Amino acid sequence: MLDKLIKFFVYATRGYITKIQLTKLLYLADLYYVKWTGKQLTELDWYYYKFGPWHEDIDAALDKMNGKEISIEAEYNTTFIKLGVEAENIDALELPVSLKLVLDNIRREWAGSGQDKINQLLNYVYSTAPMLEVKSKYRPEEKVRLNLQAEQDRLIHELD
């Protein structure tokens, strides 16, 4: 599922996405799914690491797709994830319509260029319950597992 989610966000943004944005959108996809269903989309054990949610499998998946479905390009201090020569379209991913709607809502809300848009995304991600649980207790160089269930717990608490 991780590969399909990466492709979805890269294809849906037409390759105008940074690696930082992509990682945060993947985190939000898992987080929203846990929030509403109690289950993750991916099998990633998300970690707080270097200021944000992270998992090494994302880098491995990107490396595997590089030069095919995606193209990784470094410009200045930013890594862009662009469309590759073998990029398809979103329909080829064969995702359920309900999941495509959730993912597209995430993309429309948080993807985009410009420092303001990136800062809004980062501020939102850092305000999610799993991040709030760890970011004040641990240093950025520590790798600490995130509890995505905390977001569903916060929702339930707010609804009570």
N, C-alpha and C. Protein backbone atom coordinates (compact mmCIF):
# COMPACT_ATOMS: atom_id res chain seq x y z
N MET A 1 0.82 -1.20 0.00
CA MET A 1 0.00 0.00 0.00
C MET A 1 0.87 1.27 0.00
N LEU A 2 2.03 1.20 0.65
CA LEU A 2 2.90 2.38 0.69
C LEU A 2 3.25 2.86 -0.72
N ASP A 3 3.62 1.93 -1.60
CA ASP A 3 3.96 2.31 -2.97
C ASP A 3 2.78 3.01 -3.66
N LYS A 4 1.58 2.48 -3.47
CA LYS A 4 0.40 3.07 -4.10
C LYS A 4 0.12 4.47 -3.54
N LEU A 5 0.31 4.66 -2.25
CA LEU A 5 0.08 5.98 -1.66
C LEU A 5 1.11 6.99 -2.17
N ILE A 6 2.36 6.56 -2.26
CA ILE A 6 3.40 7.45 -2.81
C ILE A 6 3.01 7.85 -4.24
N LYS A 7 2.69 6.87 -5.05
CA LYS A 7 2.32 7.15 -6.44
C LYS A 7 1.09 8.06 -6.50
N PHE A 8 0.10 7.79 -5.64
CA PHE A 8 -1.09 8.63 -5.66
C PHE A 8 -0.72 10.09 -5.46
N PHE A 9 0.04 10.39 -4.41
CA PHE A 9 0.35 11.79 -4.13
C PHE A 9 1.26 12.41 -5.19
N VAL A 10 2.18 11.65 -5.72
CA VAL A 10 3.05 12.18 -6.78
C VAL A 10 2.24 12.41 -8.06
N TYR A 11 1.40 11.45 -8.43
CA TYR A 11 0.59 11.59 -9.63
C TYR A 11 -0.43 12.72 -9.47
N ALA A 12 -1.08 12.77 -8.31
CA ALA A 12 -2.13 13.77 -8.08
C ALA A 12 -1.59 15.19 -8.06
N THR A 13 -0.33 15.35 -7.67
CA THR A 13 0.29 16.68 -7.68
C THR A 13 1.05 16.93 -8.97
N ARG A 14 0.98 15.99 -9.87
CA ARG A 14 1.69 16.05 -11.16
C ARG A 14 3.20 16.21 -10.97
N GLY A 15 3.68 15.66 -9.86
CA GLY A 15 5.12 15.70 -9.61
C GLY A 15 5.61 17.01 -9.02
N TYR A 16 4.72 17.83 -8.52
CA TYR A 16 5.12 19.08 -7.87
C TYR A 16 5.00 18.90 -6.37
N ILE A 17 5.90 18.08 -5.81
CA ILE A 17 5.85 17.77 -4.39
C ILE A 17 7.27 17.54 -3.89
N THR A 18 7.54 18.01 -2.69
CA THR A 18 8.85 17.78 -2.10
C THR A 18 8.80 16.49 -1.28
N LYS A 19 9.96 15.98 -0.97
CA LYS A 19 10.04 14.77 -0.15
C LYS A 19 9.45 15.03 1.24
N ILE A 20 9.69 16.20 1.78
CA ILE A 20 9.12 16.55 3.09
C ILE A 20 7.60 16.56 3.02
N GLN A 21 7.05 17.20 2.00
CA GLN A 21 5.59 17.23 1.85
C GLN A 21 5.04 15.82 1.69
N LEU A 22 5.67 15.03 0.85
CA LEU A 22 5.20 13.66 0.62
C LEU A 22 5.18 12.86 1.92
N THR A 23 6.24 12.94 2.68
CA THR A 23 6.30 12.21 3.95
C THR A 23 5.17 12.64 4.87
N LYS A 24 4.92 13.94 4.94
CA LYS A 24 3.84 14.43 5.82
C LYS A 24 2.47 13.99 5.31
N LEU A 25 2.26 13.98 3.98
CA LEU A 25 0.98 13.54 3.43
C LEU A 25 0.76 12.05 3.68
N LEU A 26 1.81 11.27 3.60
CA LEU A 26 1.70 9.84 3.91
C LEU A 26 1.33 9.64 5.37
N TYR A 27 1.97 10.43 6.24
CA TYR A 27 1.64 10.38 7.67
C TYR A 27 0.17 10.73 7.89
N LEU A 28 -0.28 11.80 7.24
CA LEU A 28 -1.68 12.21 7.41
C LEU A 28 -2.65 11.15 6.88
N ALA A 29 -2.29 10.48 5.79
CA ALA A 29 -3.15 9.42 5.27
C ALA A 29 -3.31 8.31 6.30
N ASP A 30 -2.21 7.88 6.89
CA ASP A 30 -2.29 6.86 7.94
C ASP A 30 -3.04 7.38 9.16
N LEU A 31 -2.74 8.60 9.54
CA LEU A 31 -3.35 9.19 10.73
C LEU A 31 -4.86 9.33 10.57
N TYR A 32 -5.32 9.85 9.44
CA TYR A 32 -6.76 10.01 9.21
C TYR A 32 -7.46 8.66 9.17
N TYR A 33 -6.80 7.69 8.57
CA TYR A 33 -7.41 6.36 8.49
C TYR A 33 -7.56 5.76 9.89
N VAL A 34 -6.55 5.92 10.72
CA VAL A 34 -6.64 5.45 12.10
C VAL A 34 -7.72 6.22 12.85
N LYS A 35 -7.77 7.50 12.62
CA LYS A 35 -8.74 8.35 13.31
C LYS A 35 -10.17 7.88 13.06
N TRP A 36 -10.46 7.48 11.83
CA TRP A 36 -11.84 7.14 11.48
C TRP A 36 -12.14 5.65 11.44
N THR A 37 -11.10 4.80 11.31
CA THR A 37 -11.36 3.36 11.21
C THR A 37 -10.67 2.55 12.30
N GLY A 38 -9.68 3.14 12.96
CA GLY A 38 -8.91 2.40 13.96
C GLY A 38 -7.78 1.58 13.36
N LYS A 39 -7.60 1.65 12.03
CA LYS A 39 -6.56 0.88 11.34
C LYS A 39 -5.73 1.80 10.46
N GLN A 40 -4.46 1.44 10.28
CA GLN A 40 -3.59 2.18 9.37
C GLN A 40 -3.74 1.67 7.95
N LEU A 41 -3.43 2.53 7.00
CA LEU A 41 -3.37 2.14 5.59
C LEU A 41 -2.09 1.37 5.30
N THR A 42 -1.00 1.83 5.87
CA THR A 42 0.30 1.19 5.65
C THR A 42 0.65 0.35 6.87
N GLU A 43 1.75 -0.34 6.76
CA GLU A 43 2.26 -1.11 7.88
C GLU A 43 3.44 -0.40 8.55
N LEU A 44 3.57 0.89 8.29
CA LEU A 44 4.68 1.65 8.85
C LEU A 44 4.50 1.87 10.35
N ASP A 45 5.57 1.67 11.09
CA ASP A 45 5.62 2.11 12.48
C ASP A 45 6.23 3.52 12.44
N TRP A 46 5.36 4.51 12.46
CA TRP A 46 5.82 5.90 12.33
C TRP A 46 6.65 6.30 13.55
N TYR A 47 7.68 7.09 13.27
CA TYR A 47 8.56 7.60 14.33
C TYR A 47 8.63 9.11 14.28
N TYR A 48 8.80 9.70 15.46
CA TYR A 48 9.21 11.10 15.56
C TYR A 48 10.72 11.07 15.42
N TYR A 49 11.22 11.75 14.40
CA TYR A 49 12.66 11.75 14.15
C TYR A 49 13.00 12.98 13.33
N LYS A 50 14.00 13.71 13.77
CA LYS A 50 14.44 14.92 13.09
C LYS A 50 13.28 15.88 12.84
N PHE A 51 12.52 16.14 13.88
CA PHE A 51 11.45 17.14 13.89
C PHE A 51 10.12 16.69 13.31
N GLY A 52 9.97 15.47 12.89
CA GLY A 52 8.68 15.12 12.33
C GLY A 52 8.45 13.63 12.20
N PRO A 53 7.27 13.26 11.69
CA PRO A 53 6.99 11.85 11.46
C PRO A 53 7.87 11.32 10.34
N TRP A 54 8.36 10.10 10.52
CA TRP A 54 9.33 9.55 9.57
C TRP A 54 9.33 8.03 9.65
N HIS A 55 9.71 7.38 8.56
CA HIS A 55 10.00 5.95 8.55
C HIS A 55 10.95 5.66 7.40
N GLU A 56 11.94 4.82 7.68
CA GLU A 56 12.97 4.51 6.67
C GLU A 56 12.41 3.79 5.45
N ASP A 57 11.27 3.11 5.58
CA ASP A 57 10.69 2.40 4.43
C ASP A 57 10.25 3.36 3.33
N ILE A 58 9.97 4.61 3.69
CA ILE A 58 9.60 5.60 2.67
C ILE A 58 10.80 5.85 1.75
N ASP A 59 11.96 6.03 2.35
CA ASP A 59 13.18 6.23 1.54
C ASP A 59 13.45 5.02 0.65
N ALA A 60 13.28 3.82 1.20
CA ALA A 60 13.52 2.60 0.43
C ALA A 60 12.54 2.50 -0.75
N ALA A 61 11.27 2.82 -0.50
CA ALA A 61 10.27 2.77 -1.57
C ALA A 61 10.58 3.81 -2.64
N LEU A 62 10.97 5.01 -2.24
CA LEU A 62 11.32 6.05 -3.21
C LEU A 62 12.53 5.63 -4.05
N ASP A 63 13.53 5.07 -3.41
CA ASP A 63 14.72 4.62 -4.13
C ASP A 63 14.36 3.54 -5.16
N LYS A 64 13.46 2.64 -4.78
CA LYS A 64 13.05 1.54 -5.66
C LYS A 64 12.30 2.08 -6.89
N MET A 65 11.50 3.14 -6.71
CA MET A 65 10.70 3.69 -7.81
C MET A 65 11.47 4.73 -8.64
N ASN A 66 12.57 5.24 -8.10
CA ASN A 66 13.31 6.31 -8.76
C ASN A 66 13.79 5.87 -10.15
N GLY A 67 13.51 6.72 -11.12
CA GLY A 67 13.88 6.43 -12.50
C GLY A 67 12.82 5.65 -13.24
N LYS A 68 11.78 5.26 -12.52
CA LYS A 68 10.68 4.52 -13.14
C LYS A 68 9.41 5.35 -12.97
N GLU A 69 8.63 5.04 -11.92
CA GLU A 69 7.37 5.76 -11.69
C GLU A 69 7.58 7.19 -11.22
N ILE A 70 8.70 7.41 -10.53
CA ILE A 70 9.02 8.75 -10.03
C ILE A 70 10.46 9.09 -10.40
N SER A 71 10.77 10.36 -10.20
CA SER A 71 12.13 10.85 -10.41
C SER A 71 12.48 11.73 -9.22
N ILE A 72 13.55 11.38 -8.54
CA ILE A 72 13.99 12.16 -7.38
C ILE A 72 15.04 13.16 -7.86
N GLU A 73 14.76 14.44 -7.61
CA GLU A 73 15.67 15.49 -8.06
C GLU A 73 15.95 16.45 -6.92
N ALA A 74 17.22 16.71 -6.68
CA ALA A 74 17.63 17.65 -5.64
C ALA A 74 17.91 19.00 -6.29
N GLU A 75 17.29 20.03 -5.74
CA GLU A 75 17.52 21.40 -6.20
C GLU A 75 17.72 22.26 -4.96
N TYR A 76 18.84 22.93 -4.91
CA TYR A 76 19.20 23.74 -3.75
C TYR A 76 19.20 22.83 -2.53
N ASN A 77 18.42 23.12 -1.50
CA ASN A 77 18.36 22.29 -0.30
C ASN A 77 17.08 21.48 -0.23
N THR A 78 16.44 21.26 -1.36
CA THR A 78 15.14 20.59 -1.40
C THR A 78 15.19 19.39 -2.32
N THR A 79 14.54 18.30 -1.88
CA THR A 79 14.42 17.11 -2.72
C THR A 79 13.01 17.06 -3.27
N PHE A 80 12.89 17.08 -4.59
CA PHE A 80 11.60 17.02 -5.25
C PHE A 80 11.33 15.61 -5.73
N ILE A 81 10.08 15.20 -5.63
CA ILE A 81 9.65 13.90 -6.14
C ILE A 81 8.77 14.21 -7.35
N LYS A 82 9.28 13.94 -8.53
CA LYS A 82 8.60 14.29 -9.77
C LYS A 82 8.11 13.04 -10.49
N LEU A 83 7.32 13.25 -11.52
CA LEU A 83 6.83 12.14 -12.32
C LEU A 83 7.99 11.47 -13.05
N GLY A 84 8.00 10.14 -13.04
CA GLY A 84 9.03 9.40 -13.74
C GLY A 84 8.57 8.99 -15.13
N VAL A 85 9.45 8.37 -15.86
CA VAL A 85 9.14 7.98 -17.24
C VAL A 85 8.06 6.90 -17.30
N GLU A 86 7.90 6.11 -16.24
CA GLU A 86 6.88 5.05 -16.21
C GLU A 86 5.66 5.46 -15.39
N ALA A 87 5.51 6.74 -15.12
CA ALA A 87 4.36 7.21 -14.34
C ALA A 87 3.07 6.89 -15.08
N GLU A 88 2.10 6.43 -14.32
CA GLU A 88 0.79 6.12 -14.89
C GLU A 88 -0.18 7.20 -14.43
N ASN A 89 -1.45 6.84 -14.34
CA ASN A 89 -2.41 7.78 -13.77
C ASN A 89 -3.01 7.15 -12.52
N ILE A 90 -3.74 7.93 -11.79
CA ILE A 90 -4.29 7.48 -10.51
C ILE A 90 -5.21 6.28 -10.68
N ASP A 91 -5.97 6.23 -11.74
CA ASP A 91 -6.90 5.11 -11.95
C ASP A 91 -6.16 3.77 -12.06
N ALA A 92 -4.95 3.78 -12.56
CA ALA A 92 -4.16 2.54 -12.69
C ALA A 92 -3.80 1.95 -11.33
N LEU A 93 -3.89 2.76 -10.27
CA LEU A 93 -3.56 2.28 -8.92
C LEU A 93 -4.65 1.38 -8.35
N GLU A 94 -5.85 1.45 -8.93
CA GLU A 94 -6.99 0.63 -8.52
C GLU A 94 -7.29 0.75 -7.02
N LEU A 95 -7.34 1.98 -6.56
CA LEU A 95 -7.72 2.25 -5.16
C LEU A 95 -9.23 2.35 -5.07
N PRO A 96 -9.81 1.95 -3.95
CA PRO A 96 -11.25 2.13 -3.77
C PRO A 96 -11.62 3.62 -3.85
N VAL A 97 -12.79 3.90 -4.38
CA VAL A 97 -13.23 5.29 -4.55
C VAL A 97 -13.21 6.02 -3.21
N SER A 98 -13.65 5.37 -2.15
CA SER A 98 -13.69 6.02 -0.84
C SER A 98 -12.29 6.43 -0.39
N LEU A 99 -11.30 5.58 -0.64
CA LEU A 99 -9.92 5.91 -0.27
C LEU A 99 -9.39 7.04 -1.13
N LYS A 100 -9.68 7.01 -2.43
CA LYS A 100 -9.24 8.10 -3.32
C LYS A 100 -9.80 9.44 -2.85
N LEU A 101 -11.04 9.44 -2.38
CA LEU A 101 -11.64 10.68 -1.88
C LEU A 101 -10.90 11.20 -0.65
N VAL A 102 -10.58 10.31 0.27
CA VAL A 102 -9.83 10.70 1.47
C VAL A 102 -8.46 11.26 1.08
N LEU A 103 -7.76 10.54 0.22
CA LEU A 103 -6.42 10.97 -0.20
C LEU A 103 -6.47 12.28 -0.97
N ASP A 104 -7.48 12.43 -1.81
CA ASP A 104 -7.58 13.67 -2.57
C ASP A 104 -7.91 14.85 -1.67
N ASN A 105 -8.69 14.62 -0.63
CA ASN A 105 -8.95 15.70 0.35
C ASN A 105 -7.66 16.13 1.04
N ILE A 106 -6.83 15.16 1.40
CA ILE A 106 -5.54 15.48 2.01
C ILE A 106 -4.70 16.29 1.02
N ARG A 107 -4.65 15.83 -0.21
CA ARG A 107 -3.86 16.55 -1.23
C ARG A 107 -4.35 17.97 -1.43
N ARG A 108 -5.67 18.13 -1.59
CA ARG A 108 -6.20 19.47 -1.84
C ARG A 108 -5.96 20.41 -0.65
N GLU A 109 -6.03 19.87 0.54
CA GLU A 109 -5.85 20.70 1.74
C GLU A 109 -4.39 21.08 1.97
N TRP A 110 -3.46 20.14 1.73
CA TRP A 110 -2.10 20.34 2.21
C TRP A 110 -1.01 20.39 1.16
N ALA A 111 -1.27 19.95 -0.06
CA ALA A 111 -0.22 20.00 -1.09
C ALA A 111 -0.20 21.40 -1.71
N GLY A 112 0.91 21.76 -2.27
CA GLY A 112 1.03 23.05 -2.92
C GLY A 112 2.42 23.61 -2.73
N SER A 113 2.72 24.62 -3.51
CA SER A 113 4.06 25.19 -3.44
C SER A 113 4.04 26.47 -2.63
N GLY A 114 5.21 26.90 -2.29
CA GLY A 114 5.37 28.13 -1.52
C GLY A 114 5.61 27.82 -0.05
N GLN A 115 6.41 28.68 0.55
CA GLN A 115 6.79 28.46 1.95
C GLN A 115 5.59 28.54 2.89
N ASP A 116 4.61 29.41 2.59
CA ASP A 116 3.42 29.51 3.44
C ASP A 116 2.66 28.18 3.48
N LYS A 117 2.49 27.56 2.33
CA LYS A 117 1.76 26.29 2.25
C LYS A 117 2.51 25.20 3.01
N ILE A 118 3.81 25.15 2.85
CA ILE A 118 4.62 24.16 3.55
C ILE A 118 4.56 24.40 5.06
N ASN A 119 4.64 25.66 5.47
CA ASN A 119 4.56 25.97 6.89
C ASN A 119 3.21 25.58 7.49
N GLN A 120 2.12 25.79 6.74
CA GLN A 120 0.80 25.39 7.21
C GLN A 120 0.74 23.87 7.40
N LEU A 121 1.29 23.13 6.45
CA LEU A 121 1.32 21.68 6.55
C LEU A 121 2.13 21.25 7.77
N LEU A 122 3.31 21.81 7.93
CA LEU A 122 4.16 21.44 9.07
C LEU A 122 3.48 21.78 10.39
N ASN A 123 2.90 22.96 10.48
CA ASN A 123 2.22 23.35 11.73
C ASN A 123 1.08 22.40 12.06
N TYR A 124 0.33 22.00 11.04
CA TYR A 124 -0.78 21.08 11.28
C TYR A 124 -0.26 19.71 11.73
N VAL A 125 0.72 19.18 11.03
CA VAL A 125 1.28 17.87 11.39
C VAL A 125 1.81 17.90 12.83
N TYR A 126 2.51 18.98 13.18
CA TYR A 126 3.09 19.06 14.52
C TYR A 126 2.03 19.25 15.61
N SER A 127 0.80 19.59 15.20
CA SER A 127 -0.27 19.76 16.19
C SER A 127 -1.14 18.51 16.34
N THR A 128 -0.82 17.45 15.60
CA THR A 128 -1.59 16.22 15.74
C THR A 128 -1.25 15.55 17.07
N ALA A 129 -2.18 14.77 17.58
CA ALA A 129 -2.01 14.16 18.91
C ALA A 129 -0.75 13.31 19.03
N PRO A 130 -0.42 12.46 18.05
CA PRO A 130 0.81 11.66 18.20
C PRO A 130 2.07 12.52 18.31
N MET A 131 2.11 13.60 17.55
CA MET A 131 3.28 14.49 17.61
C MET A 131 3.33 15.25 18.92
N LEU A 132 2.18 15.72 19.39
CA LEU A 132 2.14 16.45 20.65
C LEU A 132 2.59 15.59 21.82
N GLU A 133 2.31 14.29 21.74
CA GLU A 133 2.72 13.38 22.81
C GLU A 133 4.23 13.29 22.96
N VAL A 134 4.98 13.47 21.87
CA VAL A 134 6.42 13.20 21.92
C VAL A 134 7.33 14.41 21.72
N LYS A 135 6.89 15.39 20.96
CA LYS A 135 7.85 16.42 20.53
C LYS A 135 8.40 17.27 21.67
N SER A 136 7.68 17.42 22.75
CA SER A 136 8.22 18.21 23.86
C SER A 136 9.03 17.35 24.84
N LYS A 137 8.95 16.03 24.69
CA LYS A 137 9.63 15.13 25.62
C LYS A 137 10.95 14.59 25.07
N TYR A 138 11.12 14.66 23.76
CA TYR A 138 12.29 14.03 23.14
C TYR A 138 13.02 15.01 22.24
N ARG A 139 14.31 14.76 22.06
CA ARG A 139 15.12 15.58 21.17
C ARG A 139 14.94 15.09 19.73
N PRO A 140 15.09 15.97 18.75
CA PRO A 140 14.88 15.60 17.34
C PRO A 140 15.74 14.42 16.87
N GLU A 141 16.94 14.26 17.45
CA GLU A 141 17.81 13.18 17.00
C GLU A 141 17.44 11.82 17.61
N GLU A 142 16.51 11.83 18.55
CA GLU A 142 16.02 10.57 19.11
C GLU A 142 14.93 10.03 18.18
N LYS A 143 14.88 8.74 18.06
CA LYS A 143 13.87 8.10 17.22
C LYS A 143 12.84 7.48 18.16
N VAL A 144 11.62 8.06 18.17
CA VAL A 144 10.58 7.65 19.11
C VAL A 144 9.34 7.25 18.33
N ARG A 145 8.80 6.08 18.66
CA ARG A 145 7.60 5.59 17.95
C ARG A 145 6.40 6.48 18.26
N LEU A 146 5.64 6.79 17.22
CA LEU A 146 4.42 7.59 17.36
C LEU A 146 3.21 6.68 17.55
N ASN A 147 2.31 7.11 18.41
CA ASN A 147 1.08 6.38 18.68
C ASN A 147 -0.05 7.03 17.88
N LEU A 148 -0.32 6.51 16.70
CA LEU A 148 -1.35 7.11 15.84
C LEU A 148 -2.74 6.98 16.46
N GLN A 149 -2.93 6.01 17.33
CA GLN A 149 -4.20 5.83 18.00
C GLN A 149 -4.57 7.05 18.85
N ALA A 150 -3.57 7.83 19.25
CA ALA A 150 -3.82 9.02 20.07
C ALA A 150 -4.75 10.00 19.35
N GLU A 151 -4.69 10.03 18.02
CA GLU A 151 -5.56 10.95 17.26
C GLU A 151 -7.02 10.51 17.35
N GLN A 152 -7.27 9.20 17.28
CA GLN A 152 -8.64 8.70 17.45
C GLN A 152 -9.11 8.93 18.89
N ASP A 153 -8.22 8.73 19.84
CA ASP A 153 -8.57 8.96 21.24
C ASP A 153 -8.95 10.42 21.47
N ARG A 154 -8.21 11.34 20.83
CA ARG A 154 -8.52 12.77 20.96
C ARG A 154 -9.88 13.08 20.35
N LEU A 155 -10.19 12.47 19.20
CA LEU A 155 -11.48 12.67 18.56
C LEU A 155 -12.62 12.19 19.47
N ILE A 156 -12.45 11.01 20.03
CA ILE A 156 -13.48 10.45 20.92
C ILE A 156 -13.67 11.35 22.12
N HIS A 157 -12.58 11.84 22.68
CA HIS A 157 -12.65 12.74 23.83
C HIS A 157 -13.40 14.04 23.48
N GLU A 158 -13.12 14.57 22.28
CA GLU A 158 -13.79 15.80 21.84
C GLU A 158 -15.28 15.59 21.61
N LEU A 159 -15.66 14.38 21.20
CA LEU A 159 -17.07 14.10 20.92
C LEU A 159 -17.86 13.80 22.19
N ASP A 160 -17.18 13.44 23.25
CA ASP A 160 -17.89 13.14 24.53
C ASP A 160 -18.43 14.39 25.18
